[in-house]
Amino acid sequence: MISPKAERYYQLLQRQMDRLRAERQTLAQERAAQEDFAQMTLRLPPDMSVKVETLAGVPGRWLLPAKVRSFGTVLFLHGGAYQTGSSMTHLNLAAHLAQATGHRLWLPDYRLAPEHPFPAGLEDALASYQALQKDGPVALAGDSAGGGLALATALRLRDQQLPTVALALLSPWTDLTLSGDSHQSRAQVDPFFPTPEGLALAAERYAADYALDHVEISPLFADFRGLPPMQIHVGDYETLLDDSVALVRRAEQAGVTAHLEVWPQLWHVWQSYAGRLPEADASLAALGDFLSRQLLAGR
């Protein structure tokens, strides 16, 4: 049973998303609306420092807890179906995750489709990692499309024999072919993706001239051997549920330590409501503890 507050937020979110779909916003309008909403609803943890910076040619934001540990970094890649989202839209979520880990967190504004399709976002994530790893171990994290991008980044780093200590993924979008049964079985309860058309369009924009099942576009289909330990949190009310379930199954078959938590009656990236929703705070506390332990072990 979810909290009464979560139930109220879910009902409100359903009405809000129905209204936005009826408005048929352009991509530019959708991006602007997300930025405005993030600024209006931002609730940073106490004593959290935010610094706007450019790292390795990629703009973004540093999130620094008051008692930040002197080693290790979380590289967090934001969601938005590879076509929306920014370090502003995900500032609240990322700040609360940084607080939960006690480590500094880098939140890059990687390039977005359709202006910059694959592999631009992956290149920016890799550039960020290269700069961060000079100062100690790096853990990868991300939500939705950012979760898929974090997984693709880990695959590329593994192939280059570069170390990562952990993957923390929130409702990751790992299969851009949309082959999971949950796209049908959860359609009636998912406030974000009641039909697959929006995700399909975003996938086409991101993949551009590449096949949707390319393993760095749909990393679900990759060989996971040699990846770091991973923890995945996903809601039971998500059409992307099977992306997480299949990911953990394939990771375990490849000998990777993988832990999945399916949260009953919760929606896509509910952790965005950190600081307001107890389920969001609980999820980030667990993920933060996992990341902190892995960064400590990777010293």
Foldseek 3Di string as FASTA:
>chain_A
DFDPVQVVVLVVLLVVLVVVVVVVDDLVVVQVVLLVVLVVQADADPQWDWDWDAALNWTWIKTAHPQADQAEEEEEEEDDLQAHDGNSSCVRLVRLLCVLQSHMYTYTGFDGPLVDAPPRRLVVSLSRCVRRPVRAAYAYEYFACRLLSSLLNQVVCVVVVHDHQEYEYELYQQQLVLPDPLLPVLLVQASNPVDCPVSNVSLCSRQPPHDRVDCSNRVLPPQQAPGHEYEYEYEPNESSVVSLVSSQVNNVVNVYHYHYDYHYSDYGPPLSNPVHGPVNSVVSNVSSVVVNVRRVVRD
